[in-house]
């Protein structure tokens, strides 16, 4: 799954999850400075408001743009 490989770049500590810090850090490296609200909205869309992190191999479709 190429999208999973791309998303792995967000997983800085290679634990299989992306947390808010990793998301913000990677987006910043890509030239996108996100507000706390932006990061929260992205995490919410991925369905991880309770745990605060995304298990990307299980929900990679949440990160595709329509």
PDB file of N, CA and C in Angstrom:
ATOM      1  N   UNK A   1       0.840  -1.186   0.000  1.00  0.00           N
ATOM      2  CA  UNK A   1       0.000   0.000   0.000  1.00  0.00           C
ATOM      3  C   UNK A   1       0.878   1.239   0.000  1.00  0.00           C
ATOM      4  N   UNK A   2       1.015   1.929  -1.105  1.00  0.00           N
ATOM      5  CA  UNK A   2       1.880   3.107  -1.173  1.00  0.00           C
ATOM      6  C   UNK A   2       1.487   4.197  -0.182  1.00  0.00           C
ATOM      7  N   UNK A   3       0.191   4.391   0.066  1.00  0.00           N
ATOM      8  CA  UNK A   3      -0.233   5.452   0.987  1.00  0.00           C
ATOM      9  C   UNK A   3       0.292   5.173   2.392  1.00  0.00           C
ATOM     10  N   UNK A   4       0.340   3.922   2.804  1.00  0.00           N
ATOM     11  CA  UNK A   4       0.867   3.587   4.129  1.00  0.00           C
ATOM     12  C   UNK A   4       2.349   3.925   4.180  1.00  0.00           C
ATOM     13  N   UNK A   5       3.083   3.626   3.146  1.00  0.00           N
ATOM     14  CA  UNK A   5       4.507   3.957   3.091  1.00  0.00           C
ATOM     15  C   UNK A   5       4.707   5.457   3.216  1.00  0.00           C
ATOM     16  N   UNK A   6       3.890   6.245   2.533  1.00  0.00           N
ATOM     17  CA  UNK A   6       3.987   7.701   2.619  1.00  0.00           C
ATOM     18  C   UNK A   6       3.640   8.188   4.019  1.00  0.00           C
ATOM     19  N   UNK A   7       2.633   7.621   4.623  1.00  0.00           N
ATOM     20  CA  UNK A   7       2.199   8.041   5.954  1.00  0.00           C
ATOM     21  C   UNK A   7       3.232   7.658   7.005  1.00  0.00           C
ATOM     22  N   UNK A   8       4.005   6.608   6.763  1.00  0.00           N
ATOM     23  CA  UNK A   8       5.033   6.201   7.727  1.00  0.00           C
ATOM     24  C   UNK A   8       6.039   7.321   7.970  1.00  0.00           C
ATOM     25  N   UNK A   9       6.204   8.228   7.024  1.00  0.00           N
ATOM     26  CA  UNK A   9       7.110   9.360   7.217  1.00  0.00           C
ATOM     27  C   UNK A   9       6.661  10.234   8.384  1.00  0.00           C
ATOM     28  N   UNK A  10       5.369  10.201   8.720  1.00  0.00           N
ATOM     29  CA  UNK A  10       4.838  10.966   9.837  1.00  0.00           C
ATOM     30  C   UNK A  10       5.154  10.302  11.181  1.00  0.00           C
ATOM     31  N   UNK A  11       5.390   9.016  11.166  1.00  0.00           N
ATOM     32  CA  UNK A  11       5.598   8.232  12.384  1.00  0.00           C
ATOM     33  C   UNK A  11       7.072   8.323  12.784  1.00  0.00           C
ATOM     34  N   UNK A  12       7.431   9.396  13.443  1.00  0.00           N
ATOM     35  CA  UNK A  12       8.829   9.688  13.759  1.00  0.00           C
ATOM     36  C   UNK A  12       9.482   8.643  14.661  1.00  0.00           C
ATOM     37  N   UNK A  13       8.743   8.081  15.603  1.00  0.00           N
ATOM     38  CA  UNK A  13       9.338   7.104  16.517  1.00  0.00           C
ATOM     39  C   UNK A  13       9.064   5.657  16.105  1.00  0.00           C
ATOM     40  N   UNK A  14       8.432   5.473  14.939  1.00  0.00           N
ATOM     41  CA  UNK A  14       8.193   4.146  14.349  1.00  0.00           C
ATOM     42  C   UNK A  14       7.438   3.191  15.274  1.00  0.00           C
ATOM     43  N   UNK A  15       6.408   3.724  15.959  1.00  0.00           N
ATOM     44  CA  UNK A  15       5.629   2.865  16.843  1.00  0.00           C
ATOM     45  C   UNK A  15       4.307   2.405  16.225  1.00  0.00           C
ATOM     46  N   UNK A  16       4.078   2.754  14.950  1.00  0.00           N
ATOM     47  CA  UNK A  16       2.854   2.332  14.271  1.00  0.00           C
ATOM     48  C   UNK A  16       1.703   3.306  14.426  1.00  0.00           C
ATOM     49  N   UNK A  17       1.952   4.411  15.127  1.00  0.00           N
ATOM     50  CA  UNK A  17       0.926   5.425  15.363  1.00  0.00           C
ATOM     51  C   UNK A  17       1.456   6.805  15.001  1.00  0.00           C
ATOM     52  N   UNK A  18       0.549   7.711  14.701  1.00  0.00           N
ATOM     53  CA  UNK A  18       0.892   9.115  14.492  1.00  0.00           C
ATOM     54  C   UNK A  18       0.147   9.906  15.550  1.00  0.00           C
ATOM     55  N   UNK A  19       0.901  10.681  16.343  1.00  0.00           N
ATOM     56  CA  UNK A  19       0.243  11.524  17.334  1.00  0.00           C
ATOM     57  C   UNK A  19       0.238  12.980  16.845  1.00  0.00           C
ATOM     58  N   UNK A  20      -0.378  13.848  17.609  1.00  0.00           N
ATOM     59  CA  UNK A  20      -0.509  15.247  17.187  1.00  0.00           C
ATOM     60  C   UNK A  20       0.842  15.911  16.984  1.00  0.00           C
ATOM     61  N   UNK A  21       1.791  15.618  17.845  1.00  0.00           N
ATOM     62  CA  UNK A  21       3.128  16.208  17.714  1.00  0.00           C
ATOM     63  C   UNK A  21       3.787  15.771  16.409  1.00  0.00           C
ATOM     64  N   UNK A  22       3.724  14.477  16.106  1.00  0.00           N
ATOM     65  CA  UNK A  22       4.330  13.963  14.872  1.00  0.00           C
ATOM     66  C   UNK A  22       3.657  14.553  13.640  1.00  0.00           C
ATOM     67  N   UNK A  23       2.339  14.677  13.686  1.00  0.00           N
ATOM     68  CA  UNK A  23       1.610  15.268  12.563  1.00  0.00           C
ATOM     69  C   UNK A  23       2.040  16.711  12.348  1.00  0.00           C
ATOM     70  N   UNK A  24       2.049  17.493  13.417  1.00  0.00           N
ATOM     71  CA  UNK A  24       2.433  18.896  13.315  1.00  0.00           C
ATOM     72  C   UNK A  24       3.875  19.033  12.828  1.00  0.00           C
ATOM     73  N   UNK A  25       4.795  18.221  13.373  1.00  0.00           N
ATOM     74  CA  UNK A  25       6.206  18.287  13.008  1.00  0.00           C
ATOM     75  C   UNK A  25       6.415  17.974  11.524  1.00  0.00           C
ATOM     76  N   UNK A  26       5.805  16.903  11.045  1.00  0.00           N
ATOM     77  CA  UNK A  26       5.983  16.519   9.645  1.00  0.00           C
ATOM     78  C   UNK A  26       5.367  17.541   8.701  1.00  0.00           C
ATOM     79  N   UNK A  27       4.195  18.030   9.043  1.00  0.00           N
ATOM     80  CA  UNK A  27       3.567  19.044   8.190  1.00  0.00           C
ATOM     81  C   UNK A  27       4.422  20.313   8.148  1.00  0.00           C
ATOM     82  N   UNK A  28       5.031  20.676   9.268  1.00  0.00           N
ATOM     83  CA  UNK A  28       5.932  21.825   9.313  1.00  0.00           C
ATOM     84  C   UNK A  28       7.134  21.585   8.391  1.00  0.00           C
ATOM     85  N   UNK A  29       7.696  20.372   8.437  1.00  0.00           N
ATOM     86  CA  UNK A  29       8.817  20.023   7.562  1.00  0.00           C
ATOM     87  C   UNK A  29       8.430  20.122   6.089  1.00  0.00           C
ATOM     88  N   UNK A  30       7.161  19.907   5.796  1.00  0.00           N
ATOM     89  CA  UNK A  30       6.660  20.000   4.419  1.00  0.00           C
ATOM     90  C   UNK A  30       6.260  21.430   4.052  1.00  0.00           C
ATOM     91  N   UNK A  31       6.481  22.370   4.980  1.00  0.00           N
ATOM     92  CA  UNK A  31       6.193  23.770   4.700  1.00  0.00           C
ATOM     93  C   UNK A  31       4.797  24.215   5.083  1.00  0.00           C
ATOM     94  N   UNK A  32       4.081  23.398   5.829  1.00  0.00           N
ATOM     95  CA  UNK A  32       2.714  23.733   6.226  1.00  0.00           C
ATOM     96  C   UNK A  32       2.673  23.938   7.735  1.00  0.00           C
ATOM     97  N   UNK A  33       2.522  25.181   8.152  1.00  0.00           N
ATOM     98  CA  UNK A  33       2.448  25.487   9.577  1.00  0.00           C
ATOM     99  C   UNK A  33       0.990  25.426  10.000  1.00  0.00           C
ATOM    100  N   UNK A  34       0.656  24.406  10.783  1.00  0.00           N
ATOM    101  CA  UNK A  34      -0.721  24.177  11.200  1.00  0.00           C
ATOM    102  C   UNK A  34      -0.971  24.710  12.596  1.00  0.00           C
ATOM    103  N   UNK A  35      -2.150  25.254  12.787  1.00  0.00           N
ATOM    104  CA  UNK A  35      -2.557  25.683  14.118  1.00  0.00           C
ATOM    105  C   UNK A  35      -2.959  24.452  14.928  1.00  0.00           C
ATOM    106  N   UNK A  36      -3.100  24.654  16.233  1.00  0.00           N
ATOM    107  CA  UNK A  36      -3.569  23.581  17.099  1.00  0.00           C
ATOM    108  C   UNK A  36      -4.935  23.098  16.645  1.00  0.00           C
ATOM    109  N   UNK A  37      -5.781  24.046  16.225  1.00  0.00           N
ATOM    110  CA  UNK A  37      -7.125  23.695  15.749  1.00  0.00           C
ATOM    111  C   UNK A  37      -7.060  22.862  14.480  1.00  0.00           C
ATOM    112  N   UNK A  38      -6.139  23.198  13.563  1.00  0.00           N
ATOM    113  CA  UNK A  38      -5.978  22.429  12.324  1.00  0.00           C
ATOM    114  C   UNK A  38      -5.572  20.990  12.626  1.00  0.00           C
ATOM    115  N   UNK A  39      -4.601  20.843  13.517  1.00  0.00           N
ATOM    116  CA  UNK A  39      -4.125  19.505  13.877  1.00  0.00           C
ATOM    117  C   UNK A  39      -5.242  18.711  14.547  1.00  0.00           C
ATOM    118  N   UNK A  40      -5.961  19.352  15.454  1.00  0.00           N
ATOM    119  CA  UNK A  40      -7.076  18.679  16.132  1.00  0.00           C
ATOM    120  C   UNK A  40      -8.137  18.234  15.139  1.00  0.00           C
ATOM    121  N   UNK A  41      -8.436  19.085  14.156  1.00  0.00           N
ATOM    122  CA  UNK A  41      -9.436  18.737  13.139  1.00  0.00           C
ATOM    123  C   UNK A  41      -8.978  17.544  12.305  1.00  0.00           C
ATOM    124  N   UNK A  42      -7.699  17.515  11.945  1.00  0.00           N
ATOM    125  CA  UNK A  42      -7.182  16.393  11.159  1.00  0.00           C
ATOM    126  C   UNK A  42      -7.227  15.097  11.968  1.00  0.00           C
ATOM    127  N   UNK A  43      -6.859  15.180  13.230  1.00  0.00           N
ATOM    128  CA  UNK A  43      -6.884  13.995  14.080  1.00  0.00           C
ATOM    129  C   UNK A  43      -8.323  13.520  14.293  1.00  0.00           C
ATOM    130  N   UNK A  44      -9.226  14.455  14.435  1.00  0.00           N
ATOM    131  CA  UNK A  44     -10.630  14.112  14.614  1.00  0.00           C
ATOM    132  C   UNK A  44     -11.176  13.421  13.372  1.00  0.00           C
ATOM    133  N   UNK A  45     -10.820  13.947  12.213  1.00  0.00           N
ATOM    134  CA  UNK A  45     -11.274  13.345  10.956  1.00  0.00           C
ATOM    135  C   UNK A  45     -10.764  11.912  10.812  1.00  0.00           C
ATOM    136  N   UNK A  46      -9.590  11.666  11.351  1.00  0.00           N
ATOM    137  CA  UNK A  46      -9.020  10.319  11.287  1.00  0.00           C
ATOM    138  C   UNK A  46      -9.618   9.403  12.355  1.00  0.00           C
ATOM    139  N   UNK A  47     -10.467   9.969  13.211  1.00  0.00           N
ATOM    140  CA  UNK A  47     -11.176   9.162  14.190  1.00  0.00           C
ATOM    141  C   UNK A  47     -10.376   8.816  15.427  1.00  0.00           C
ATOM    142  N   UNK A  48      -9.485   9.701  15.843  1.00  0.00           N
ATOM    143  CA  UNK A  48      -8.628   9.360  16.979  1.00  0.00           C
ATOM    144  C   UNK A  48      -8.702  10.385  18.100  1.00  0.00           C
ATOM    145  N   UNK A  49      -9.824  11.010  18.283  1.00  0.00           N
ATOM    146  CA  UNK A  49      -9.957  12.003  19.352  1.00  0.00           C
ATOM    147  C   UNK A  49      -9.843  11.374  20.742  1.00  0.00           C
ATOM    148  N   UNK A  50     -10.243  10.147  20.904  1.00  0.00           N
ATOM    149  CA  UNK A  50     -10.193   9.521  22.230  1.00  0.00           C
ATOM    150  C   UNK A  50      -8.758   9.125  22.587  1.00  0.00           C
ATOM    151  N   UNK A  51      -8.061   8.494  21.675  1.00  0.00           N
ATOM    152  CA  UNK A  51      -6.712   8.024  21.968  1.00  0.00           C
ATOM    153  C   UNK A  51      -5.648   9.085  21.711  1.00  0.00           C
ATOM    154  N   UNK A  52      -5.947  10.056  20.864  1.00  0.00           N
ATOM    155  CA  UNK A  52      -4.976  11.096  20.547  1.00  0.00           C
ATOM    156  C   UNK A  52      -3.911  10.667  19.567  1.00  0.00           C
ATOM    157  N   UNK A  53      -4.134   9.535  18.921  1.00  0.00           N
ATOM    158  CA  UNK A  53      -3.174   9.084  17.912  1.00  0.00           C
ATOM    159  C   UNK A  53      -3.882   8.224  16.872  1.00  0.00           C
ATOM    160  N   UNK A  54      -3.236   8.085  15.738  1.00  0.00           N
ATOM    161  CA  UNK A  54      -3.789   7.340  14.603  1.00  0.00           C
ATOM    162  C   UNK A  54      -2.974   6.079  14.388  1.00  0.00           C
ATOM    163  N   UNK A  55      -3.650   4.944  14.368  1.00  0.00           N
ATOM    164  CA  UNK A  55      -3.016   3.698  13.937  1.00  0.00           C
ATOM    165  C   UNK A  55      -3.174   3.682  12.430  1.00  0.00           C
ATOM    166  N   UNK A  56      -2.159   4.145  11.723  1.00  0.00           N
ATOM    167  CA  UNK A  56      -2.310   4.442  10.300  1.00  0.00           C
ATOM    168  C   UNK A  56      -2.517   3.220   9.417  1.00  0.00           C
ATOM    169  N   UNK A  57      -2.022   2.075   9.774  1.00  0.00           N
ATOM    170  CA  UNK A  57      -2.241   0.903   8.921  1.00  0.00           C
ATOM    171  C   UNK A  57      -3.694   0.455   8.963  1.00  0.00           C
ATOM    172  N   UNK A  58      -4.400   0.808  10.034  1.00  0.00           N
ATOM    173  CA  UNK A  58      -5.796   0.422  10.164  1.00  0.00           C
ATOM    174  C   UNK A  58      -6.773   1.451   9.635  1.00  0.00           C
ATOM    175  N   UNK A  59      -6.297   2.676   9.426  1.00  0.00           N
ATOM    176  CA  UNK A  59      -7.244   3.704   8.980  1.00  0.00           C
ATOM    177  C   UNK A  59      -6.622   4.647   7.959  1.00  0.00           C
ATOM    178  N   UNK A  60      -5.777   4.125   7.074  1.00  0.00           N
ATOM    179  CA  UNK A  60      -5.111   4.981   6.101  1.00  0.00           C
ATOM    180  C   UNK A  60      -6.078   5.710   5.185  1.00  0.00           C
ATOM    181  N   UNK A  61      -7.276   5.171   4.992  1.00  0.00           N
ATOM    182  CA  UNK A  61      -8.247   5.829   4.094  1.00  0.00           C
ATOM    183  C   UNK A  61      -8.689   7.166   4.653  1.00  0.00           C
ATOM    184  N   UNK A  62      -8.552   7.392   5.951  1.00  0.00           N
ATOM    185  CA  UNK A  62      -8.922   8.667   6.549  1.00  0.00           C
ATOM    186  C   UNK A  62      -8.041   9.795   6.068  1.00  0.00           C
ATOM    187  N   UNK A  63      -6.865   9.475   5.580  1.00  0.00           N
ATOM    188  CA  UNK A  63      -5.928  10.491   5.150  1.00  0.00           C
ATOM    189  C   UNK A  63      -5.958  10.751   3.643  1.00  0.00           C
ATOM    190  N   UNK A  64      -6.821  10.099   2.930  1.00  0.00           N
ATOM    191  CA  UNK A  64      -6.935  10.375   1.518  1.00  0.00           C
ATOM    192  C   UNK A  64      -7.845  11.573   1.330  1.00  0.00           C
ATOM    193  N   UNK A  65      -7.542  12.381   0.354  1.00  0.00           N
ATOM    194  CA  UNK A  65      -8.310  13.593   0.117  1.00  0.00           C
ATOM    195  C   UNK A  65      -9.296  13.364  -1.003  1.00  0.00           C
ATOM    196  N   UNK A  66     -10.523  13.831  -0.786  1.00  0.00           N
ATOM    197  CA  UNK A  66     -11.586  13.633  -1.770  1.00  0.00           C
ATOM    198  C   UNK A  66     -11.857  14.922  -2.520  1.00  0.00           C
TER     199      UNK A  66
END
